[in-house]
Amino acid sequence: MKRRRFDAKIKAEVVLEGLKGRSVAEICATHQIAQSMYYAWRDEFLRNATKAFEVNKDSAREERLARENDRLKRVVGELTMELKKNDEELW
């Protein structure tokens, strides 16, 4: 029998059904999974729940770098225009 793969979104939806009070047996029958798989997903979901409330330092860093990149591009553009202006004045 070919193994099925479930993406993170489906796993989260299945676990949330159980956390909302639906019977684990019903959930497992509907999604054709073993109860042990449901409980493994639930445990992983709960272990990683704190990550939902963490400030993503990488995205803040990326945002800061993007702003700096934009600023530097403007400076380079201004200097390029100034060089062209000065070059035209020389000819």
PDB file of N, CA and C in Angstrom:
ATOM      1  N   MET A   1       0.839  -1.173   0.000  1.00  0.00           N
ATOM      2  CA  MET A   1       0.000   0.000   0.000  1.00  0.00           C
ATOM      3  C   MET A   1       0.891   1.245   0.000  1.00  0.00           C
ATOM      4  N   LYS A   2       0.560   2.184  -0.864  1.00  0.00           N
ATOM      5  CA  LYS A   2       1.333   3.411  -0.976  1.00  0.00           C
ATOM      6  C   LYS A   2       1.069   4.308   0.224  1.00  0.00           C
ATOM      7  N   ARG A   3       2.150   4.867   0.762  1.00  0.00           N
ATOM      8  CA  ARG A   3       2.018   5.785   1.902  1.00  0.00           C
ATOM      9  C   ARG A   3       1.478   7.118   1.429  1.00  0.00           C
ATOM     10  N   ARG A   4       0.551   7.654   2.195  1.00  0.00           N
ATOM     11  CA  ARG A   4       0.033   8.982   1.891  1.00  0.00           C
ATOM     12  C   ARG A   4       0.847  10.003   2.661  1.00  0.00           C
ATOM     13  N   ARG A   5       0.977  11.155   2.083  1.00  0.00           N
ATOM     14  CA  ARG A   5       1.687  12.245   2.747  1.00  0.00           C
ATOM     15  C   ARG A   5       0.699  13.373   2.994  1.00  0.00           C
ATOM     16  N   PHE A   6       0.759  13.910   4.181  1.00  0.00           N
ATOM     17  CA  PHE A   6      -0.115  15.011   4.559  1.00  0.00           C
ATOM     18  C   PHE A   6       0.735  16.252   4.758  1.00  0.00           C
ATOM     19  N   ASP A   7       0.314  17.359   4.173  1.00  0.00           N
ATOM     20  CA  ASP A   7       1.077  18.587   4.376  1.00  0.00           C
ATOM     21  C   ASP A   7       0.731  19.194   5.735  1.00  0.00           C
ATOM     22  N   ALA A   8       1.488  20.186   6.110  1.00  0.00           N
ATOM     23  CA  ALA A   8       1.349  20.797   7.438  1.00  0.00           C
ATOM     24  C   ALA A   8      -0.044  21.391   7.642  1.00  0.00           C
ATOM     25  N   LYS A   9      -0.614  21.953   6.597  1.00  0.00           N
ATOM     26  CA  LYS A   9      -1.930  22.574   6.716  1.00  0.00           C
ATOM     27  C   LYS A   9      -2.997  21.532   7.062  1.00  0.00           C
ATOM     28  N   ILE A  10      -2.965  20.395   6.385  1.00  0.00           N
ATOM     29  CA  ILE A  10      -3.937  19.327   6.652  1.00  0.00           C
ATOM     30  C   ILE A  10      -3.756  18.798   8.073  1.00  0.00           C
ATOM     31  N   LYS A  11      -2.511  18.597   8.477  1.00  0.00           N
ATOM     32  CA  LYS A  11      -2.254  18.099   9.833  1.00  0.00           C
ATOM     33  C   LYS A  11      -2.811  19.061  10.871  1.00  0.00           C
ATOM     34  N   ALA A  12      -2.590  20.347  10.677  1.00  0.00           N
ATOM     35  CA  ALA A  12      -3.080  21.347  11.628  1.00  0.00           C
ATOM     36  C   ALA A  12      -4.609  21.336  11.677  1.00  0.00           C
ATOM     37  N   GLU A  13      -5.252  21.227  10.523  1.00  0.00           N
ATOM     38  CA  GLU A  13      -6.714  21.194  10.488  1.00  0.00           C
ATOM     39  C   GLU A  13      -7.256  19.975  11.228  1.00  0.00           C
ATOM     40  N   VAL A  14      -6.612  18.832  11.038  1.00  0.00           N
ATOM     41  CA  VAL A  14      -7.043  17.599  11.706  1.00  0.00           C
ATOM     42  C   VAL A  14      -6.906  17.756  13.218  1.00  0.00           C
ATOM     43  N   VAL A  15      -5.760  18.255  13.656  1.00  0.00           N
ATOM     44  CA  VAL A  15      -5.524  18.420  15.094  1.00  0.00           C
ATOM     45  C   VAL A  15      -6.513  19.429  15.690  1.00  0.00           C
ATOM     46  N   LEU A  16      -6.766  20.520  14.982  1.00  0.00           N
ATOM     47  CA  LEU A  16      -7.704  21.528  15.486  1.00  0.00           C
ATOM     48  C   LEU A  16      -9.112  20.969  15.628  1.00  0.00           C
ATOM     49  N   GLU A  17      -9.499  20.073  14.738  1.00  0.00           N
ATOM     50  CA  GLU A  17     -10.806  19.430  14.878  1.00  0.00           C
ATOM     51  C   GLU A  17     -10.900  18.725  16.233  1.00  0.00           C
ATOM     52  N   GLY A  18      -9.839  18.014  16.590  1.00  0.00           N
ATOM     53  CA  GLY A  18      -9.825  17.300  17.867  1.00  0.00           C
ATOM     54  C   GLY A  18      -9.801  18.245  19.054  1.00  0.00           C
ATOM     55  N   LEU A  19      -9.045  19.322  18.930  1.00  0.00           N
ATOM     56  CA  LEU A  19      -8.968  20.274  20.027  1.00  0.00           C
ATOM     57  C   LEU A  19     -10.285  21.018  20.221  1.00  0.00           C
ATOM     58  N   LYS A  20     -11.068  21.106  19.162  1.00  0.00           N
ATOM     59  CA  LYS A  20     -12.374  21.761  19.258  1.00  0.00           C
ATOM     60  C   LYS A  20     -13.443  20.839  19.831  1.00  0.00           C
ATOM     61  N   GLY A  21     -13.084  19.569  20.066  1.00  0.00           N
ATOM     62  CA  GLY A  21     -14.007  18.681  20.747  1.00  0.00           C
ATOM     63  C   GLY A  21     -14.570  17.543  19.928  1.00  0.00           C
ATOM     64  N   ARG A  22     -14.244  17.471  18.672  1.00  0.00           N
ATOM     65  CA  ARG A  22     -14.745  16.371  17.853  1.00  0.00           C
ATOM     66  C   ARG A  22     -14.071  15.076  18.292  1.00  0.00           C
ATOM     67  N   SER A  23     -14.774  13.990  18.214  1.00  0.00           N
ATOM     68  CA  SER A  23     -14.267  12.687  18.624  1.00  0.00           C
ATOM     69  C   SER A  23     -13.052  12.296  17.786  1.00  0.00           C
ATOM     70  N   VAL A  24     -12.011  11.820  18.456  1.00  0.00           N
ATOM     71  CA  VAL A  24     -10.796  11.401  17.758  1.00  0.00           C
ATOM     72  C   VAL A  24     -11.114  10.244  16.823  1.00  0.00           C
ATOM     73  N   ALA A  25     -11.970   9.345  17.244  1.00  0.00           N
ATOM     74  CA  ALA A  25     -12.351   8.211  16.394  1.00  0.00           C
ATOM     75  C   ALA A  25     -13.014   8.706  15.108  1.00  0.00           C
ATOM     76  N   GLU A  26     -13.886   9.694  15.215  1.00  0.00           N
ATOM     77  CA  GLU A  26     -14.548  10.256  14.029  1.00  0.00           C
ATOM     78  C   GLU A  26     -13.538  10.918  13.097  1.00  0.00           C
ATOM     79  N   ILE A  27     -12.652  11.688  13.684  1.00  0.00           N
ATOM     80  CA  ILE A  27     -11.638  12.390  12.889  1.00  0.00           C
ATOM     81  C   ILE A  27     -10.788  11.392  12.118  1.00  0.00           C
ATOM     82  N   CYS A  28     -10.345  10.370  12.818  1.00  0.00           N
ATOM     83  CA  CYS A  28      -9.466   9.376  12.200  1.00  0.00           C
ATOM     84  C   CYS A  28     -10.195   8.597  11.110  1.00  0.00           C
ATOM     85  N   ALA A  29     -11.457   8.296  11.324  1.00  0.00           N
ATOM     86  CA  ALA A  29     -12.235   7.597  10.306  1.00  0.00           C
ATOM     87  C   ALA A  29     -12.438   8.487   9.076  1.00  0.00           C
ATOM     88  N   THR A  30     -12.732   9.751   9.300  1.00  0.00           N
ATOM     89  CA  THR A  30     -12.947  10.686   8.202  1.00  0.00           C
ATOM     90  C   THR A  30     -11.704  10.852   7.348  1.00  0.00           C
ATOM     91  N   HIS A  31     -10.557  10.992   8.007  1.00  0.00           N
ATOM     92  CA  HIS A  31      -9.302  11.250   7.293  1.00  0.00           C
ATOM     93  C   HIS A  31      -8.513   9.977   7.002  1.00  0.00           C
ATOM     94  N   GLN A  32      -9.058   8.840   7.411  1.00  0.00           N
ATOM     95  CA  GLN A  32      -8.430   7.533   7.210  1.00  0.00           C
ATOM     96  C   GLN A  32      -6.999   7.494   7.734  1.00  0.00           C
ATOM     97  N   ILE A  33      -6.869   7.873   9.004  1.00  0.00           N
ATOM     98  CA  ILE A  33      -5.573   7.813   9.681  1.00  0.00           C
ATOM     99  C   ILE A  33      -5.739   7.025  10.974  1.00  0.00           C
ATOM    100  N   ALA A  34      -4.631   6.529  11.487  1.00  0.00           N
ATOM    101  CA  ALA A  34      -4.658   5.804  12.760  1.00  0.00           C
ATOM    102  C   ALA A  34      -4.721   6.815  13.908  1.00  0.00           C
ATOM    103  N   GLN A  35      -5.324   6.394  15.010  1.00  0.00           N
ATOM    104  CA  GLN A  35      -5.402   7.282  16.167  1.00  0.00           C
ATOM    105  C   GLN A  35      -4.011   7.623  16.682  1.00  0.00           C
ATOM    106  N   SER A  36      -3.094   6.686  16.579  1.00  0.00           N
ATOM    107  CA  SER A  36      -1.723   6.970  17.025  1.00  0.00           C
ATOM    108  C   SER A  36      -1.103   8.098  16.194  1.00  0.00           C
ATOM    109  N   MET A  37      -1.452   8.159  14.895  1.00  0.00           N
ATOM    110  CA  MET A  37      -0.947   9.236  14.051  1.00  0.00           C
ATOM    111  C   MET A  37      -1.558  10.569  14.481  1.00  0.00           C
ATOM    112  N   TYR A  38      -2.857  10.565  14.782  1.00  0.00           N
ATOM    113  CA  TYR A  38      -3.505  11.794  15.256  1.00  0.00           C
ATOM    114  C   TYR A  38      -2.812  12.308  16.512  1.00  0.00           C
ATOM    115  N   TYR A  39      -2.581  11.396  17.474  1.00  0.00           N
ATOM    116  CA  TYR A  39      -1.967  11.823  18.736  1.00  0.00           C
ATOM    117  C   TYR A  39      -0.521  12.301  18.539  1.00  0.00           C
ATOM    118  N   ALA A  40       0.191  11.694  17.598  1.00  0.00           N
ATOM    119  CA  ALA A  40       1.550  12.151  17.301  1.00  0.00           C
ATOM    120  C   ALA A  40       1.503  13.570  16.719  1.00  0.00           C
ATOM    121  N   TRP A  41       0.558  13.800  15.792  1.00  0.00           N
ATOM    122  CA  TRP A  41       0.402  15.136  15.215  1.00  0.00           C
ATOM    123  C   TRP A  41       0.005  16.145  16.287  1.00  0.00           C
ATOM    124  N   ARG A  42      -0.924  15.746  17.161  1.00  0.00           N
ATOM    125  CA  ARG A  42      -1.391  16.649  18.214  1.00  0.00           C
ATOM    126  C   ARG A  42      -0.232  17.030  19.137  1.00  0.00           C
ATOM    127  N   ASP A  43       0.566  16.029  19.528  1.00  0.00           N
ATOM    128  CA  ASP A  43       1.690  16.298  20.427  1.00  0.00           C
ATOM    129  C   ASP A  43       2.704  17.240  19.778  1.00  0.00           C
ATOM    130  N   GLU A  44       2.984  17.029  18.490  1.00  0.00           N
ATOM    131  CA  GLU A  44       3.917  17.911  17.787  1.00  0.00           C
ATOM    132  C   GLU A  44       3.334  19.321  17.679  1.00  0.00           C
ATOM    133  N   PHE A  45       2.051  19.401  17.386  1.00  0.00           N
ATOM    134  CA  PHE A  45       1.357  20.683  17.280  1.00  0.00           C
ATOM    135  C   PHE A  45       1.474  21.453  18.594  1.00  0.00           C
ATOM    136  N   LEU A  46       1.217  20.781  19.699  1.00  0.00           N
ATOM    137  CA  LEU A  46       1.265  21.443  21.001  1.00  0.00           C
ATOM    138  C   LEU A  46       2.690  21.804  21.407  1.00  0.00           C
ATOM    139  N   ARG A  47       3.652  20.961  21.040  1.00  0.00           N
ATOM    140  CA  ARG A  47       5.057  21.264  21.345  1.00  0.00           C
ATOM    141  C   ARG A  47       5.505  22.542  20.639  1.00  0.00           C
ATOM    142  N   ASN A  48       5.002  22.767  19.437  1.00  0.00           N
ATOM    143  CA  ASN A  48       5.437  23.914  18.636  1.00  0.00           C
ATOM    144  C   ASN A  48       4.482  25.100  18.717  1.00  0.00           C
ATOM    145  N   ALA A  49       3.501  25.039  19.584  1.00  0.00           N
ATOM    146  CA  ALA A  49       2.500  26.108  19.688  1.00  0.00           C
ATOM    147  C   ALA A  49       3.125  27.444  20.077  1.00  0.00           C
ATOM    148  N   THR A  50       4.174  27.421  20.856  1.00  0.00           N
ATOM    149  CA  THR A  50       4.795  28.680  21.288  1.00  0.00           C
ATOM    150  C   THR A  50       5.403  29.457  20.123  1.00  0.00           C
ATOM    151  N   LYS A  51       5.755  28.762  19.053  1.00  0.00           N
ATOM    152  CA  LYS A  51       6.354  29.430  17.895  1.00  0.00           C
ATOM    153  C   LYS A  51       5.372  30.398  17.239  1.00  0.00           C
ATOM    154  N   ALA A  52       4.092  30.155  17.405  1.00  0.00           N
ATOM    155  CA  ALA A  52       3.080  31.040  16.815  1.00  0.00           C
ATOM    156  C   ALA A  52       3.131  32.426  17.461  1.00  0.00           C
ATOM    157  N   PHE A  53       3.654  32.523  18.670  1.00  0.00           N
ATOM    158  CA  PHE A  53       3.665  33.789  19.393  1.00  0.00           C
ATOM    159  C   PHE A  53       5.044  34.432  19.454  1.00  0.00           C
ATOM    160  N   GLU A  54       6.039  33.780  18.856  1.00  0.00           N
ATOM    161  CA  GLU A  54       7.379  34.338  18.862  1.00  0.00           C
ATOM    162  C   GLU A  54       7.497  35.411  17.792  1.00  0.00           C
ATOM    163  N   VAL A  55       8.287  36.417  18.091  1.00  0.00           N
ATOM    164  CA  VAL A  55       8.580  37.448  17.098  1.00  0.00           C
ATOM    165  C   VAL A  55       9.603  36.852  16.150  1.00  0.00           C
ATOM    166  N   ASN A  56       9.303  36.927  14.880  1.00  0.00           N
ATOM    167  CA  ASN A  56      10.201  36.356  13.891  1.00  0.00           C
ATOM    168  C   ASN A  56      11.374  37.314  13.674  1.00  0.00           C
ATOM    169  N   LYS A  57      12.500  36.992  14.288  1.00  0.00           N
ATOM    170  CA  LYS A  57      13.676  37.861  14.216  1.00  0.00           C
ATOM    171  C   LYS A  57      14.234  37.918  12.807  1.00  0.00           C
ATOM    172  N   ASP A  58      14.136  36.825  12.070  1.00  0.00           N
ATOM    173  CA  ASP A  58      14.660  36.823  10.708  1.00  0.00           C
ATOM    174  C   ASP A  58      13.894  37.795   9.827  1.00  0.00           C
ATOM    175  N   SER A  59      12.568  37.815   9.944  1.00  0.00           N
ATOM    176  CA  SER A  59      11.809  38.709   9.075  1.00  0.00           C
ATOM    177  C   SER A  59      12.062  40.167   9.464  1.00  0.00           C
ATOM    178  N   ALA A  60      12.250  40.449  10.736  1.00  0.00           N
ATOM    179  CA  ALA A  60      12.572  41.810  11.162  1.00  0.00           C
ATOM    180  C   ALA A  60      13.945  42.209  10.606  1.00  0.00           C
ATOM    181  N   ARG A  61      14.868  41.279  10.626  1.00  0.00           N
ATOM    182  CA  ARG A  61      16.205  41.537  10.093  1.00  0.00           C
ATOM    183  C   ARG A  61      16.136  41.740   8.588  1.00  0.00           C
ATOM    184  N   GLU A  62      15.363  40.897   7.917  1.00  0.00           N
ATOM    185  CA  GLU A  62      15.225  41.025   6.471  1.00  0.00           C
ATOM    186  C   GLU A  62      14.582  42.360   6.101  1.00  0.00           C
ATOM    187  N   GLU A  63      13.597  42.778   6.876  1.00  0.00           N
ATOM    188  CA  GLU A  63      12.940  44.052   6.626  1.00  0.00           C
ATOM    189  C   GLU A  63      13.924  45.210   6.786  1.00  0.00           C
ATOM    190  N   ARG A  64      14.745  45.148   7.830  1.00  0.00           N
ATOM    191  CA  ARG A  64      15.749  46.187   8.061  1.00  0.00           C
ATOM    192  C   ARG A  64      16.754  46.213   6.918  1.00  0.00           C
ATOM    193  N   LEU A  65      17.188  45.040   6.463  1.00  0.00           N
ATOM    194  CA  LEU A  65      18.147  44.971   5.359  1.00  0.00           C
ATOM    195  C   LEU A  65      17.529  45.487   4.054  1.00  0.00           C
ATOM    196  N   ALA A  66      16.258  45.212   3.836  1.00  0.00           N
ATOM    197  CA  ALA A  66      15.581  45.699   2.637  1.00  0.00           C
ATOM    198  C   ALA A  66      15.503  47.226   2.649  1.00  0.00           C
ATOM    199  N   ARG A  67      15.206  47.808   3.813  1.00  0.00           N
ATOM    200  CA  ARG A  67      15.173  49.275   3.916  1.00  0.00           C
ATOM    201  C   ARG A  67      16.549  49.865   3.641  1.00  0.00           C
ATOM    202  N   GLU A  68      17.584  49.251   4.204  1.00  0.00           N
ATOM    203  CA  GLU A  68      18.953  49.729   3.984  1.00  0.00           C
ATOM    204  C   GLU A  68      19.331  49.590   2.510  1.00  0.00           C
ATOM    205  N   ASN A  69      18.936  48.498   1.893  1.00  0.00           N
ATOM    206  CA  ASN A  69      19.208  48.277   0.478  1.00  0.00           C
ATOM    207  C   ASN A  69      18.548  49.363  -0.373  1.00  0.00           C
ATOM    208  N   ASP A  70      17.298  49.683  -0.074  1.00  0.00           N
ATOM    209  CA  ASP A  70      16.593  50.741  -0.800  1.00  0.00           C
ATOM    210  C   ASP A  70      17.293  52.089  -0.635  1.00  0.00           C
ATOM    211  N   ARG A  71      17.718  52.370   0.585  1.00  0.00           N
ATOM    212  CA  ARG A  71      18.405  53.637   0.852  1.00  0.00           C
ATOM    213  C   ARG A  71      19.698  53.715   0.043  1.00  0.00           C
ATOM    214  N   LEU A  72      20.456  52.627   0.031  1.00  0.00           N
ATOM    215  CA  LEU A  72      21.721  52.616  -0.706  1.00  0.00           C
ATOM    216  C   LEU A  72      21.499  52.740  -2.220  1.00  0.00           C
ATOM    217  N   LYS A  73      20.433  52.135  -2.716  1.00  0.00           N
ATOM    218  CA  LYS A  73      20.117  52.270  -4.140  1.00  0.00           C
ATOM    219  C   LYS A  73      19.810  53.719  -4.492  1.00  0.00           C
ATOM    220  N   ARG A  74      19.088  54.406  -3.612  1.00  0.00           N
ATOM    221  CA  ARG A  74      18.795  55.823  -3.855  1.00  0.00           C
ATOM    222  C   ARG A  74      20.076  56.640  -3.879  1.00  0.00           C
ATOM    223  N   VAL A  75      20.984  56.362  -2.938  1.00  0.00           N
ATOM    224  CA  VAL A  75      22.257  57.094  -2.881  1.00  0.00           C
ATOM    225  C   VAL A  75      23.057  56.846  -4.156  1.00  0.00           C
ATOM    226  N   VAL A  76      23.128  55.591  -4.586  1.00  0.00           N
ATOM    227  CA  VAL A  76      23.869  55.277  -5.815  1.00  0.00           C
ATOM    228  C   VAL A  76      23.233  55.985  -7.002  1.00  0.00           C
ATOM    229  N   GLY A  77      21.906  55.997  -7.065  1.00  0.00           N
ATOM    230  CA  GLY A  77      21.212  56.687  -8.149  1.00  0.00           C
ATOM    231  C   GLY A  77      21.505  58.173  -8.159  1.00  0.00           C
ATOM    232  N   GLU A  78      21.485  58.796  -6.984  1.00  0.00           N
ATOM    233  CA  GLU A  78      21.776  60.222  -6.882  1.00  0.00           C
ATOM    234  C   GLU A  78      23.208  60.523  -7.305  1.00  0.00           C
ATOM    235  N   LEU A  79      24.149  59.695  -6.864  1.00  0.00           N
ATOM    236  CA  LEU A  79      25.553  59.901  -7.235  1.00  0.00           C
ATOM    237  C   LEU A  79      25.767  59.690  -8.726  1.00  0.00           C
ATOM    238  N   THR A  80      25.084  58.720  -9.292  1.00  0.00           N
ATOM    239  CA  THR A  80      25.197  58.471 -10.730  1.00  0.00           C
ATOM    240  C   THR A  80      24.695  59.677 -11.515  1.00  0.00           C
ATOM    241  N   MET A  81      23.552  60.227 -11.093  1.00  0.00           N
ATOM    242  CA  MET A  81      23.002  61.406 -11.766  1.00  0.00           C
ATOM    243  C   MET A  81      23.962  62.590 -11.638  1.00  0.00           C
ATOM    244  N   GLU A  82      24.563  62.741 -10.472  1.00  0.00           N
ATOM    245  CA  GLU A  82      25.506  63.839 -10.255  1.00  0.00           C
ATOM    246  C   GLU A  82      26.735  63.680 -11.143  1.00  0.00           C
ATOM    247  N   LEU A  83      27.225  62.440 -11.272  1.00  0.00           N
ATOM    248  CA  LEU A  83      28.382  62.201 -12.142  1.00  0.00           C
ATOM    249  C   LEU A  83      28.037  62.501 -13.595  1.00  0.00           C
ATOM    250  N   LYS A  84      26.852  62.090 -14.032  1.00  0.00           N
ATOM    251  CA  LYS A  84      26.446  62.370 -15.408  1.00  0.00           C
ATOM    252  C   LYS A  84      26.337  63.874 -15.647  1.00  0.00           C
ATOM    253  N   LYS A  85      25.788  64.573 -14.655  1.00  0.00           N
ATOM    254  CA  LYS A  85      25.636  66.022 -14.767  1.00  0.00           C
ATOM    255  C   LYS A  85      27.009  66.686 -14.884  1.00  0.00           C
ATOM    256  N   ASN A  86      27.936  66.257 -14.027  1.00  0.00           N
ATOM    257  CA  ASN A  86      29.284  66.825 -14.055  1.00  0.00           C
ATOM    258  C   ASN A  86      30.005  66.469 -15.351  1.00  0.00           C
ATOM    259  N   ASP A  87      29.775  65.267 -15.853  1.00  0.00           N
ATOM    260  CA  ASP A  87      30.409  64.824 -17.087  1.00  0.00           C
ATOM    261  C   ASP A  87      29.899  65.644 -18.261  1.00  0.00           C
ATOM    262  N   GLU A  88      28.602  65.961 -18.275  1.00  0.00           N
ATOM    263  CA  GLU A  88      28.032  66.774 -19.349  1.00  0.00           C
ATOM    264  C   GLU A  88      28.589  68.200 -19.314  1.00  0.00           C
ATOM    265  N   GLU A  89      28.826  68.709 -18.111  1.00  0.00           N
ATOM    266  CA  GLU A  89      29.355  70.076 -17.972  1.00  0.00           C
ATOM    267  C   GLU A  89      30.791  70.169 -18.505  1.00  0.00           C
ATOM    268  N   LEU A  90      31.519  69.063 -18.413  1.00  0.00           N
ATOM    269  CA  LEU A  90      32.899  69.057 -18.886  1.00  0.00           C
ATOM    270  C   LEU A  90      32.970  69.079 -20.401  1.00  0.00           C
ATOM    271  N   TRP A  91      31.963  68.555 -21.096  1.00  0.00           N
ATOM    272  CA  TRP A  91      32.005  68.476 -22.559  1.00  0.00           C
ATOM    273  C   TRP A  91      31.358  69.648 -23.113  1.00  0.00           C
TER     274      TRP A  91
END
